[in-house]
């Protein structure tokens, strides 16, 4: 098995700009390829969403990174440490939230966290108590700290799971579908919490909720049938098919449209009528030229007034569908 950035036995691993790296990471079960030739490079202080349909390989990727499964071929590293050989050292620096976190339901939230802290958080009893209180406050459960967990809602259980995962100040949080089974209020709470946690750690999480991913993520990894189909910052993915300008116009626009369509840096002009106004979505391949020339060409003959003008952010759902269905 080959590995990425392996740690030399007895020595500290070489410094790396990436918290997570993999090369050719693959996993098969009885001839079925759950993950094939996955190469990742996830920078520090990033919120990275791992996207894909059911069976795409999201959970398999997480298990391999955490050393909970052994790769069939290829390898991965976290903090420059080998995910198989150094899995125990890695887990001391990583917080993990399973898709369905389990607790001692008859114990309170505080008691559950105290049990975890005694295993994962080093300190005096007073320091452990302070850390438990800080974690409950962070996730908004301080008022319910002494109530049995069996009475918690789904959203509250997920928040408690996040409190547990970050008890020991991990450098990396790995979350498996943290909001998948929640109602809209529960999802909102979990997303807000991820937004707060991003200030202190790198977050790598699997999800199939594309709107949620676009709200809180810097980067996306898209999987299909166990294979990587896209990996980039979301802003870069949004611009791959060209930058789109959204304009609201008033006046006679037919001649202006002919001028715009004739430009070599324009690849599409979509015309939508709204009341007495016309909305254009103009997709370009050269942002600098469009910035300098687009408005001037539209208003060149004085027949058109530009009421509003700005760039349109491509929705992550559209990016995902294009990638998974083999489009642009």
C-alpha atoms as a PDB file:
ATOM      1  CA  UNK A   1       0.000   0.000   0.000  1.00  0.00           C
ATOM      2  CA  UNK A   2       1.344   3.446  -0.913  1.00  0.00           C
ATOM      3  CA  UNK A   3       0.848   6.341   1.452  1.00  0.00           C
ATOM      4  CA  UNK A   4       0.829  10.105   1.306  1.00  0.00           C
ATOM      5  CA  UNK A   5       3.259  12.206   3.330  1.00  0.00           C
ATOM      6  CA  UNK A   6       4.160   9.280   5.600  1.00  0.00           C
ATOM      7  CA  UNK A   7       5.471   9.989   9.050  1.00  0.00           C
ATOM      8  CA  UNK A   8       8.949   8.581   9.651  1.00  0.00           C
ATOM      9  CA  UNK A   9       8.929   6.287  12.660  1.00  0.00           C
ATOM     10  CA  UNK A  10      10.229   8.142  15.712  1.00  0.00           C
ATOM     11  CA  UNK A  11      10.232  11.531  13.986  1.00  0.00           C
ATOM     12  CA  UNK A  12       7.726  14.344  13.649  1.00  0.00           C
ATOM     13  CA  UNK A  13       6.021  14.437  10.236  1.00  0.00           C
ATOM     14  CA  UNK A  14       7.107  17.082   7.748  1.00  0.00           C
ATOM     15  CA  UNK A  15       5.139  20.321   7.850  1.00  0.00           C
ATOM     16  CA  UNK A  16       2.365  20.448   5.256  1.00  0.00           C
ATOM     17  CA  UNK A  17      -0.011  23.117   4.030  1.00  0.00           C
ATOM     18  CA  UNK A  18      -2.800  20.544   3.937  1.00  0.00           C
ATOM     19  CA  UNK A  19      -4.613  19.057   6.904  1.00  0.00           C
ATOM     20  CA  UNK A  20      -5.972  16.157   4.803  1.00  0.00           C
ATOM     21  CA  UNK A  21      -4.177  14.579   1.845  1.00  0.00           C
ATOM     22  CA  UNK A  22      -4.720  11.380  -0.083  1.00  0.00           C
ATOM     23  CA  UNK A  23      -3.389   9.764  -3.243  1.00  0.00           C
ATOM     24  CA  UNK A  24      -5.140   6.935  -5.046  1.00  0.00           C
ATOM     25  CA  UNK A  25      -7.202   6.116  -1.950  1.00  0.00           C
ATOM     26  CA  UNK A  26      -9.384   3.102  -2.774  1.00  0.00           C
ATOM     27  CA  UNK A  27     -11.607   0.631  -0.930  1.00  0.00           C
ATOM     28  CA  UNK A  28     -13.317  -2.490  -2.226  1.00  0.00           C
ATOM     29  CA  UNK A  29     -15.665  -4.909  -0.485  1.00  0.00           C
ATOM     30  CA  UNK A  30     -15.896  -8.313  -2.170  1.00  0.00           C
ATOM     31  CA  UNK A  31     -15.169  -6.898  -5.602  1.00  0.00           C
ATOM     32  CA  UNK A  32     -17.476  -3.891  -5.159  1.00  0.00           C
ATOM     33  CA  UNK A  33     -15.589  -0.572  -5.419  1.00  0.00           C
ATOM     34  CA  UNK A  34     -16.834   1.708  -2.621  1.00  0.00           C
ATOM     35  CA  UNK A  35     -14.073   4.247  -3.322  1.00  0.00           C
ATOM     36  CA  UNK A  36     -11.745   4.492  -6.304  1.00  0.00           C
ATOM     37  CA  UNK A  37      -8.477   6.392  -6.684  1.00  0.00           C
ATOM     38  CA  UNK A  38      -9.411   9.360  -4.474  1.00  0.00           C
ATOM     39  CA  UNK A  39      -6.828  12.153  -4.254  1.00  0.00           C
ATOM     40  CA  UNK A  40      -7.576  14.997  -1.847  1.00  0.00           C
ATOM     41  CA  UNK A  41      -5.787  18.137  -0.700  1.00  0.00           C
ATOM     42  CA  UNK A  42      -7.728  20.030   1.994  1.00  0.00           C
ATOM     43  CA  UNK A  43      -6.060  23.185   3.363  1.00  0.00           C
ATOM     44  CA  UNK A  44      -6.090  24.196   7.009  1.00  0.00           C
ATOM     45  CA  UNK A  45      -8.902  26.429   8.323  1.00  0.00           C
ATOM     46  CA  UNK A  46     -11.281  25.315   5.579  1.00  0.00           C
ATOM     47  CA  UNK A  47     -14.908  24.183   5.798  1.00  0.00           C
ATOM     48  CA  UNK A  48     -15.055  21.430   3.166  1.00  0.00           C
ATOM     49  CA  UNK A  49     -18.313  19.736   2.168  1.00  0.00           C
ATOM     50  CA  UNK A  50     -18.125  16.210   0.730  1.00  0.00           C
ATOM     51  CA  UNK A  51     -21.105  15.873  -1.608  1.00  0.00           C
ATOM     52  CA  UNK A  52     -22.574  12.948  -3.473  1.00  0.00           C
ATOM     53  CA  UNK A  53     -25.669  10.778  -3.900  1.00  0.00           C
ATOM     54  CA  UNK A  54     -26.275   7.830  -1.570  1.00  0.00           C
ATOM     55  CA  UNK A  55     -23.561   5.244  -2.155  1.00  0.00           C
ATOM     56  CA  UNK A  56     -21.128   7.784  -3.601  1.00  0.00           C
ATOM     57  CA  UNK A  57     -18.418   6.936  -1.061  1.00  0.00           C
ATOM     58  CA  UNK A  58     -18.765   9.777   1.465  1.00  0.00           C
ATOM     59  CA  UNK A  59     -18.899   7.634   4.613  1.00  0.00           C
ATOM     60  CA  UNK A  60     -16.225   5.281   3.275  1.00  0.00           C
ATOM     61  CA  UNK A  61     -13.915   8.267   2.804  1.00  0.00           C
ATOM     62  CA  UNK A  62     -14.449   9.334   6.410  1.00  0.00           C
ATOM     63  CA  UNK A  63     -13.822   5.830   7.759  1.00  0.00           C
ATOM     64  CA  UNK A  64     -10.579   5.565   5.808  1.00  0.00           C
ATOM     65  CA  UNK A  65      -9.346   8.970   6.943  1.00  0.00           C
ATOM     66  CA  UNK A  66     -10.027   8.103  10.581  1.00  0.00           C
ATOM     67  CA  UNK A  67      -8.308   4.729  10.311  1.00  0.00           C
ATOM     68  CA  UNK A  68     -11.572   2.893  11.013  1.00  0.00           C
ATOM     69  CA  UNK A  69     -11.078   0.946   7.767  1.00  0.00           C
ATOM     70  CA  UNK A  70      -7.954  -0.039   5.839  1.00  0.00           C
ATOM     71  CA  UNK A  71      -7.621   1.023   2.201  1.00  0.00           C
ATOM     72  CA  UNK A  72      -7.418  -1.607  -0.495  1.00  0.00           C
ATOM     73  CA  UNK A  73      -4.847   0.572  -2.247  1.00  0.00           C
ATOM     74  CA  UNK A  74      -3.468   4.088  -2.047  1.00  0.00           C
ATOM     75  CA  UNK A  75      -3.205   5.992   1.205  1.00  0.00           C
ATOM     76  CA  UNK A  76      -4.078   9.110   3.151  1.00  0.00           C
ATOM     77  CA  UNK A  77      -2.543  11.375   5.745  1.00  0.00           C
ATOM     78  CA  UNK A  78      -3.874  13.832   8.302  1.00  0.00           C
ATOM     79  CA  UNK A  79      -1.457  16.444   9.690  1.00  0.00           C
ATOM     80  CA  UNK A  80       1.199  14.548   7.715  1.00  0.00           C
ATOM     81  CA  UNK A  81       0.510  11.386   9.737  1.00  0.00           C
ATOM     82  CA  UNK A  82      -0.354   8.109   8.023  1.00  0.00           C
ATOM     83  CA  UNK A  83      -4.061   7.317   8.470  1.00  0.00           C
ATOM     84  CA  UNK A  84      -3.402   3.599   9.128  1.00  0.00           C
ATOM     85  CA  UNK A  85      -0.111   3.488  10.973  1.00  0.00           C
ATOM     86  CA  UNK A  86      -0.704   6.646  13.019  1.00  0.00           C
ATOM     87  CA  UNK A  87      -4.475   6.418  13.496  1.00  0.00           C
ATOM     88  CA  UNK A  88      -4.319   6.691  17.302  1.00  0.00           C
ATOM     89  CA  UNK A  89      -2.147   9.819  17.167  1.00  0.00           C
ATOM     90  CA  UNK A  90      -4.491  11.317  14.569  1.00  0.00           C
ATOM     91  CA  UNK A  91      -7.622  10.660  16.643  1.00  0.00           C
ATOM     92  CA  UNK A  92      -6.149  12.603  19.572  1.00  0.00           C
ATOM     93  CA  UNK A  93      -6.186  15.686  17.322  1.00  0.00           C
ATOM     94  CA  UNK A  94      -9.499  15.039  15.527  1.00  0.00           C
ATOM     95  CA  UNK A  95     -13.103  15.398  16.644  1.00  0.00           C
ATOM     96  CA  UNK A  96     -15.629  13.063  15.009  1.00  0.00           C
ATOM     97  CA  UNK A  97     -19.418  13.202  14.847  1.00  0.00           C
ATOM     98  CA  UNK A  98     -21.143  10.096  13.502  1.00  0.00           C
ATOM     99  CA  UNK A  99     -24.350  10.398  11.495  1.00  0.00           C
ATOM    100  CA  UNK A 100     -26.354   9.033  14.428  1.00  0.00           C
ATOM    101  CA  UNK A 101     -24.484   9.977  17.636  1.00  0.00           C
ATOM    102  CA  UNK A 102     -25.109   7.717  20.612  1.00  0.00           C
ATOM    103  CA  UNK A 103     -25.307   8.784  24.247  1.00  0.00           C
ATOM    104  CA  UNK A 104     -26.251   7.360  27.644  1.00  0.00           C
ATOM    105  CA  UNK A 105     -29.880   8.454  27.403  1.00  0.00           C
ATOM    106  CA  UNK A 106     -30.590   8.243  31.127  1.00  0.00           C
ATOM    107  CA  UNK A 107     -27.708  10.606  31.896  1.00  0.00           C
ATOM    108  CA  UNK A 108     -27.828  14.356  31.484  1.00  0.00           C
ATOM    109  CA  UNK A 109     -25.981  16.279  28.772  1.00  0.00           C
ATOM    110  CA  UNK A 110     -23.450  17.412  31.355  1.00  0.00           C
ATOM    111  CA  UNK A 111     -22.868  13.859  32.601  1.00  0.00           C
ATOM    112  CA  UNK A 112     -22.419  12.549  29.059  1.00  0.00           C
ATOM    113  CA  UNK A 113     -19.838  15.214  28.267  1.00  0.00           C
ATOM    114  CA  UNK A 114     -18.046  14.655  31.561  1.00  0.00           C
ATOM    115  CA  UNK A 115     -17.630  10.947  30.734  1.00  0.00           C
ATOM    116  CA  UNK A 116     -16.193  11.856  27.312  1.00  0.00           C
ATOM    117  CA  UNK A 117     -13.938  14.543  28.780  1.00  0.00           C
ATOM    118  CA  UNK A 118     -12.420  12.063  31.214  1.00  0.00           C
ATOM    119  CA  UNK A 119     -11.268  10.049  28.191  1.00  0.00           C
ATOM    120  CA  UNK A 120     -10.365  12.744  25.658  1.00  0.00           C
ATOM    121  CA  UNK A 121      -9.622  15.920  27.645  1.00  0.00           C
ATOM    122  CA  UNK A 122      -6.583  16.063  29.873  1.00  0.00           C
ATOM    123  CA  UNK A 123      -6.865  18.203  32.973  1.00  0.00           C
ATOM    124  CA  UNK A 124      -7.823  18.399  36.624  1.00  0.00           C
ATOM    125  CA  UNK A 125     -11.432  17.716  37.650  1.00  0.00           C
ATOM    126  CA  UNK A 126     -11.970  21.489  37.878  1.00  0.00           C
ATOM    127  CA  UNK A 127     -10.541  21.994  34.368  1.00  0.00           C
ATOM    128  CA  UNK A 128     -12.768  19.218  33.006  1.00  0.00           C
ATOM    129  CA  UNK A 129     -15.835  20.811  34.611  1.00  0.00           C
ATOM    130  CA  UNK A 130     -14.956  24.193  33.078  1.00  0.00           C
ATOM    131  CA  UNK A 131     -14.441  22.623  29.641  1.00  0.00           C
ATOM    132  CA  UNK A 132     -17.775  20.810  29.814  1.00  0.00           C
ATOM    133  CA  UNK A 133     -19.515  24.079  30.729  1.00  0.00           C
ATOM    134  CA  UNK A 134     -17.765  25.914  27.875  1.00  0.00           C
ATOM    135  CA  UNK A 135     -18.829  23.251  25.389  1.00  0.00           C
ATOM    136  CA  UNK A 136     -22.454  23.296  26.531  1.00  0.00           C
ATOM    137  CA  UNK A 137     -22.489  27.086  26.244  1.00  0.00           C
ATOM    138  CA  UNK A 138     -20.933  26.957  22.781  1.00  0.00           C
ATOM    139  CA  UNK A 139     -23.681  24.704  21.396  1.00  0.00           C
ATOM    140  CA  UNK A 140     -26.530  26.477  23.199  1.00  0.00           C
ATOM    141  CA  UNK A 141     -27.357  23.686  25.635  1.00  0.00           C
ATOM    142  CA  UNK A 142     -26.370  25.344  28.917  1.00  0.00           C
ATOM    143  CA  UNK A 143     -30.020  25.711  29.945  1.00  0.00           C
ATOM    144  CA  UNK A 144     -30.658  21.978  29.333  1.00  0.00           C
ATOM    145  CA  UNK A 145     -27.344  20.736  30.697  1.00  0.00           C
ATOM    146  CA  UNK A 146     -28.831  18.746  33.590  1.00  0.00           C
ATOM    147  CA  UNK A 147     -31.781  17.175  31.764  1.00  0.00           C
ATOM    148  CA  UNK A 148     -31.674  13.530  30.613  1.00  0.00           C
ATOM    149  CA  UNK A 149     -30.637  13.196  26.988  1.00  0.00           C
ATOM    150  CA  UNK A 150     -33.558  10.843  26.261  1.00  0.00           C
ATOM    151  CA  UNK A 151     -35.840  13.907  26.200  1.00  0.00           C
ATOM    152  CA  UNK A 152     -33.723  15.794  23.655  1.00  0.00           C
ATOM    153  CA  UNK A 153     -34.928  16.623  20.137  1.00  0.00           C
ATOM    154  CA  UNK A 154     -32.932  15.539  17.093  1.00  0.00           C
ATOM    155  CA  UNK A 155     -31.364  18.967  16.779  1.00  0.00           C
ATOM    156  CA  UNK A 156     -30.381  19.010  20.441  1.00  0.00           C
ATOM    157  CA  UNK A 157     -28.772  15.567  20.123  1.00  0.00           C
ATOM    158  CA  UNK A 158     -26.745  16.759  17.131  1.00  0.00           C
ATOM    159  CA  UNK A 159     -25.641  19.850  19.033  1.00  0.00           C
ATOM    160  CA  UNK A 160     -24.629  17.662  21.958  1.00  0.00           C
ATOM    161  CA  UNK A 161     -22.698  15.479  19.502  1.00  0.00           C
ATOM    162  CA  UNK A 162     -20.848  18.536  18.225  1.00  0.00           C
ATOM    163  CA  UNK A 163     -20.105  19.591  21.805  1.00  0.00           C
ATOM    164  CA  UNK A 164     -18.673  16.124  22.436  1.00  0.00           C
ATOM    165  CA  UNK A 165     -16.635  16.147  19.204  1.00  0.00           C
ATOM    166  CA  UNK A 166     -14.885  19.427  20.023  1.00  0.00           C
ATOM    167  CA  UNK A 167     -14.345  18.877  23.768  1.00  0.00           C
ATOM    168  CA  UNK A 168     -10.589  18.391  23.388  1.00  0.00           C
ATOM    169  CA  UNK A 169     -10.029  21.437  21.107  1.00  0.00           C
ATOM    170  CA  UNK A 170      -9.431  19.331  17.966  1.00  0.00           C
ATOM    171  CA  UNK A 171      -7.495  20.745  15.032  1.00  0.00           C
ATOM    172  CA  UNK A 172      -9.883  18.968  12.646  1.00  0.00           C
ATOM    173  CA  UNK A 173     -13.584  18.142  12.911  1.00  0.00           C
ATOM    174  CA  UNK A 174     -14.940  15.321  10.735  1.00  0.00           C
ATOM    175  CA  UNK A 175     -18.734  15.194  10.589  1.00  0.00           C
ATOM    176  CA  UNK A 176     -20.878  12.572   8.842  1.00  0.00           C
ATOM    177  CA  UNK A 177     -24.211  14.062   7.670  1.00  0.00           C
ATOM    178  CA  UNK A 178     -24.542  16.370  10.720  1.00  0.00           C
ATOM    179  CA  UNK A 179     -27.933  17.811   9.663  1.00  0.00           C
ATOM    180  CA  UNK A 180     -29.409  15.061   7.476  1.00  0.00           C
ATOM    181  CA  UNK A 181     -32.233  13.927   9.760  1.00  0.00           C
ATOM    182  CA  UNK A 182     -33.161  17.317  11.214  1.00  0.00           C
ATOM    183  CA  UNK A 183     -36.122  19.608  10.670  1.00  0.00           C
ATOM    184  CA  UNK A 184     -35.436  23.145   9.317  1.00  0.00           C
ATOM    185  CA  UNK A 185     -34.934  24.621  12.800  1.00  0.00           C
ATOM    186  CA  UNK A 186     -32.538  21.851  13.790  1.00  0.00           C
ATOM    187  CA  UNK A 187     -30.588  22.285  10.550  1.00  0.00           C
ATOM    188  CA  UNK A 188     -30.374  26.018  11.133  1.00  0.00           C
ATOM    189  CA  UNK A 189     -28.960  25.474  14.618  1.00  0.00           C
ATOM    190  CA  UNK A 190     -26.332  23.009  13.398  1.00  0.00           C
ATOM    191  CA  UNK A 191     -25.273  25.273  10.509  1.00  0.00           C
ATOM    192  CA  UNK A 192     -24.913  28.241  12.855  1.00  0.00           C
ATOM    193  CA  UNK A 193     -22.769  26.106  15.124  1.00  0.00           C
ATOM    194  CA  UNK A 194     -20.534  25.018  12.231  1.00  0.00           C
ATOM    195  CA  UNK A 195     -20.171  28.701  11.398  1.00  0.00           C
ATOM    196  CA  UNK A 196     -18.922  29.385  14.931  1.00  0.00           C
ATOM    197  CA  UNK A 197     -16.599  26.378  15.024  1.00  0.00           C
ATOM    198  CA  UNK A 198     -14.916  27.334  11.735  1.00  0.00           C
ATOM    199  CA  UNK A 199     -13.091  30.136  13.545  1.00  0.00           C
ATOM    200  CA  UNK A 200     -10.999  27.631  15.500  1.00  0.00           C
ATOM    201  CA  UNK A 201     -10.670  24.438  13.433  1.00  0.00           C
ATOM    202  CA  UNK A 202     -10.745  22.824   9.991  1.00  0.00           C
ATOM    203  CA  UNK A 203     -14.088  21.122   9.238  1.00  0.00           C
ATOM    204  CA  UNK A 204     -14.543  18.229   6.790  1.00  0.00           C
ATOM    205  CA  UNK A 205     -18.110  16.984   6.583  1.00  0.00           C
ATOM    206  CA  UNK A 206     -20.262  14.747   4.422  1.00  0.00           C
ATOM    207  CA  UNK A 207     -23.690  15.952   3.351  1.00  0.00           C
ATOM    208  CA  UNK A 208     -26.279  15.628   0.608  1.00  0.00           C
ATOM    209  CA  UNK A 209     -27.982  18.937   1.565  1.00  0.00           C
ATOM    210  CA  UNK A 210     -26.652  21.258  -1.123  1.00  0.00           C
ATOM    211  CA  UNK A 211     -28.221  24.504   0.097  1.00  0.00           C
ATOM    212  CA  UNK A 212     -26.730  23.927   3.546  1.00  0.00           C
ATOM    213  CA  UNK A 213     -23.306  23.219   2.047  1.00  0.00           C
ATOM    214  CA  UNK A 214     -23.371  26.423   0.029  1.00  0.00           C
ATOM    215  CA  UNK A 215     -24.264  28.453   3.118  1.00  0.00           C
ATOM    216  CA  UNK A 216     -21.317  27.401   5.285  1.00  0.00           C
ATOM    217  CA  UNK A 217     -18.621  25.819   3.089  1.00  0.00           C
ATOM    218  CA  UNK A 218     -15.483  27.246   1.497  1.00  0.00           C
ATOM    219  CA  UNK A 219     -14.738  24.166  -0.570  1.00  0.00           C
ATOM    220  CA  UNK A 220     -16.552  21.187  -2.084  1.00  0.00           C
ATOM    221  CA  UNK A 221     -15.511  17.638  -2.932  1.00  0.00           C
ATOM    222  CA  UNK A 222     -18.037  15.915  -5.219  1.00  0.00           C
ATOM    223  CA  UNK A 223     -18.129  12.107  -5.445  1.00  0.00           C
ATOM    224  CA  UNK A 224     -20.060   9.820  -7.768  1.00  0.00           C
ATOM    225  CA  UNK A 225     -20.008   6.005  -7.652  1.00  0.00           C
ATOM    226  CA  UNK A 226     -16.918   6.137  -5.416  1.00  0.00           C
ATOM    227  CA  UNK A 227     -14.942   8.392  -7.773  1.00  0.00           C
ATOM    228  CA  UNK A 228     -13.944  12.045  -7.485  1.00  0.00           C
ATOM    229  CA  UNK A 229     -15.624  14.263 -10.092  1.00  0.00           C
ATOM    230  CA  UNK A 230     -14.796  17.724  -8.681  1.00  0.00           C
ATOM    231  CA  UNK A 231     -12.682  19.284  -5.936  1.00  0.00           C
ATOM    232  CA  UNK A 232     -12.256  23.052  -5.615  1.00  0.00           C
ATOM    233  CA  UNK A 233     -13.257  26.146  -3.657  1.00  0.00           C
ATOM    234  CA  UNK A 234     -16.967  26.768  -4.206  1.00  0.00           C
ATOM    235  CA  UNK A 235     -16.255  30.198  -5.721  1.00  0.00           C
ATOM    236  CA  UNK A 236     -13.984  28.538  -8.298  1.00  0.00           C
ATOM    237  CA  UNK A 237     -16.563  25.859  -9.098  1.00  0.00           C
ATOM    238  CA  UNK A 238     -19.145  28.592  -9.610  1.00  0.00           C
ATOM    239  CA  UNK A 239     -16.945  30.302 -12.194  1.00  0.00           C
ATOM    240  CA  UNK A 240     -15.901  27.234 -14.205  1.00  0.00           C
ATOM    241  CA  UNK A 241     -18.733  27.534 -16.710  1.00  0.00           C
ATOM    242  CA  UNK A 242     -18.116  31.247 -17.086  1.00  0.00           C
ATOM    243  CA  UNK A 243     -19.120  34.285 -15.062  1.00  0.00           C
ATOM    244  CA  UNK A 244     -22.776  35.319 -15.344  1.00  0.00           C
ATOM    245  CA  UNK A 245     -23.954  38.919 -15.118  1.00  0.00           C
ATOM    246  CA  UNK A 246     -27.539  39.660 -14.169  1.00  0.00           C
ATOM    247  CA  UNK A 247     -28.991  42.914 -15.541  1.00  0.00           C
ATOM    248  CA  UNK A 248     -32.404  44.589 -15.315  1.00  0.00           C
ATOM    249  CA  UNK A 249     -33.059  46.692 -18.419  1.00  0.00           C
ATOM    250  CA  UNK A 250     -35.708  49.082 -19.692  1.00  0.00           C
ATOM    251  CA  UNK A 251     -36.264  50.125 -23.291  1.00  0.00           C
ATOM    252  CA  UNK A 252     -35.873  48.591 -26.737  1.00  0.00           C
ATOM    253  CA  UNK A 253     -33.324  45.825 -26.149  1.00  0.00           C
ATOM    254  CA  UNK A 254     -33.345  43.859 -29.439  1.00  0.00           C
ATOM    255  CA  UNK A 255     -30.459  45.732 -31.103  1.00  0.00           C
ATOM    256  CA  UNK A 256     -28.426  45.762 -27.887  1.00  0.00           C
ATOM    257  CA  UNK A 257     -28.854  42.010 -27.627  1.00  0.00           C
ATOM    258  CA  UNK A 258     -27.531  41.527 -31.174  1.00  0.00           C
ATOM    259  CA  UNK A 259     -24.425  43.547 -30.259  1.00  0.00           C
ATOM    260  CA  UNK A 260     -23.813  41.516 -27.118  1.00  0.00           C
ATOM    261  CA  UNK A 261     -24.346  38.103 -28.750  1.00  0.00           C
ATOM    262  CA  UNK A 262     -21.789  39.039 -31.437  1.00  0.00           C
ATOM    263  CA  UNK A 263     -18.960  39.451 -28.893  1.00  0.00           C
ATOM    264  CA  UNK A 264     -16.433  36.583 -28.834  1.00  0.00           C
ATOM    265  CA  UNK A 265     -16.266  36.676 -24.997  1.00  0.00           C
ATOM    266  CA  UNK A 266     -20.045  36.155 -24.612  1.00  0.00           C
ATOM    267  CA  UNK A 267     -21.186  32.524 -24.559  1.00  0.00           C
ATOM    268  CA  UNK A 268     -24.874  32.951 -23.655  1.00  0.00           C
ATOM    269  CA  UNK A 269     -27.554  35.637 -23.270  1.00  0.00           C
ATOM    270  CA  UNK A 270     -30.712  34.545 -21.496  1.00  0.00           C
ATOM    271  CA  UNK A 271     -33.661  36.964 -21.783  1.00  0.00           C
ATOM    272  CA  UNK A 272     -36.440  37.001 -19.154  1.00  0.00           C
ATOM    273  CA  UNK A 273     -39.314  39.481 -19.177  1.00  0.00           C
ATOM    274  CA  UNK A 274     -40.635  40.891 -15.884  1.00  0.00           C
ATOM    275  CA  UNK A 275     -43.486  43.389 -16.124  1.00  0.00           C
ATOM    276  CA  UNK A 276     -42.393  46.335 -18.251  1.00  0.00           C
ATOM    277  CA  UNK A 277     -38.727  45.484 -17.771  1.00  0.00           C
ATOM    278  CA  UNK A 278     -36.369  42.905 -19.216  1.00  0.00           C
ATOM    279  CA  UNK A 279     -33.906  40.798 -17.227  1.00  0.00           C
ATOM    280  CA  UNK A 280     -30.806  39.456 -18.910  1.00  0.00           C
ATOM    281  CA  UNK A 281     -28.408  36.792 -17.715  1.00  0.00           C
ATOM    282  CA  UNK A 282     -25.206  37.215 -19.722  1.00  0.00           C
ATOM    283  CA  UNK A 283     -22.563  34.500 -19.336  1.00  0.00           C
ATOM    284  CA  UNK A 284     -19.032  35.495 -20.351  1.00  0.00           C
ATOM    285  CA  UNK A 285     -15.667  33.779 -20.657  1.00  0.00           C
ATOM    286  CA  UNK A 286     -13.536  36.897 -20.093  1.00  0.00           C
ATOM    287  CA  UNK A 287     -14.514  38.743 -16.920  1.00  0.00           C
ATOM    288  CA  UNK A 288     -12.066  41.623 -17.430  1.00  0.00           C
ATOM    289  CA  UNK A 289     -13.348  42.425 -20.919  1.00  0.00           C
ATOM    290  CA  UNK A 290     -16.958  42.102 -19.793  1.00  0.00           C
ATOM    291  CA  UNK A 291     -16.342  44.448 -16.868  1.00  0.00           C
ATOM    292  CA  UNK A 292     -14.875  47.046 -19.230  1.00  0.00           C
ATOM    293  CA  UNK A 293     -17.257  46.696 -22.186  1.00  0.00           C
ATOM    294  CA  UNK A 294     -20.607  45.112 -21.312  1.00  0.00           C
ATOM    295  CA  UNK A 295     -22.507  48.173 -20.061  1.00  0.00           C
ATOM    296  CA  UNK A 296     -21.126  50.409 -22.798  1.00  0.00           C
ATOM    297  CA  UNK A 297     -22.252  48.026 -25.528  1.00  0.00           C
ATOM    298  CA  UNK A 298     -25.744  47.721 -24.045  1.00  0.00           C
ATOM    299  CA  UNK A 299     -26.284  51.485 -23.787  1.00  0.00           C
ATOM    300  CA  UNK A 300     -24.365  52.398 -26.958  1.00  0.00           C
ATOM    301  CA  UNK A 301     -27.355  53.674 -28.980  1.00  0.00           C
ATOM    302  CA  UNK A 302     -29.199  55.304 -26.082  1.00  0.00           C
ATOM    303  CA  UNK A 303     -32.205  52.995 -26.475  1.00  0.00           C
ATOM    304  CA  UNK A 304     -31.665  51.003 -23.265  1.00  0.00           C
ATOM    305  CA  UNK A 305     -31.494  52.053 -19.597  1.00  0.00           C
ATOM    306  CA  UNK A 306     -29.679  49.747 -17.166  1.00  0.00           C
ATOM    307  CA  UNK A 307     -31.698  49.637 -13.928  1.00  0.00           C
ATOM    308  CA  UNK A 308     -29.510  47.114 -12.072  1.00  0.00           C
ATOM    309  CA  UNK A 309     -26.313  45.211 -12.745  1.00  0.00           C
ATOM    310  CA  UNK A 310     -24.315  42.568 -10.892  1.00  0.00           C
ATOM    311  CA  UNK A 311     -22.797  39.108 -11.026  1.00  0.00           C
ATOM    312  CA  UNK A 312     -24.889  36.010 -10.402  1.00  0.00           C
ATOM    313  CA  UNK A 313     -23.554  33.264  -8.162  1.00  0.00           C
ATOM    314  CA  UNK A 314     -24.146  29.820  -9.632  1.00  0.00           C
ATOM    315  CA  UNK A 315     -26.060  27.652  -7.183  1.00  0.00           C
ATOM    316  CA  UNK A 316     -24.197  24.674  -5.765  1.00  0.00           C
ATOM    317  CA  UNK A 317     -27.138  22.478  -6.801  1.00  0.00           C
ATOM    318  CA  UNK A 318     -26.523  23.381 -10.449  1.00  0.00           C
ATOM    319  CA  UNK A 319     -22.791  22.720 -10.078  1.00  0.00           C
ATOM    320  CA  UNK A 320     -23.518  19.370  -8.435  1.00  0.00           C
ATOM    321  CA  UNK A 321     -25.982  18.229 -11.105  1.00  0.00           C
ATOM    322  CA  UNK A 322     -23.587  19.230 -13.911  1.00  0.00           C
ATOM    323  CA  UNK A 323     -20.749  17.309 -12.253  1.00  0.00           C
ATOM    324  CA  UNK A 324     -22.696  14.159 -11.343  1.00  0.00           C
ATOM    325  CA  UNK A 325     -24.606  13.901 -14.625  1.00  0.00           C
ATOM    326  CA  UNK A 326     -21.457  14.489 -16.667  1.00  0.00           C
ATOM    327  CA  UNK A 327     -22.430  17.898 -18.001  1.00  0.00           C
ATOM    328  CA  UNK A 328     -20.200  20.954 -17.996  1.00  0.00           C
END
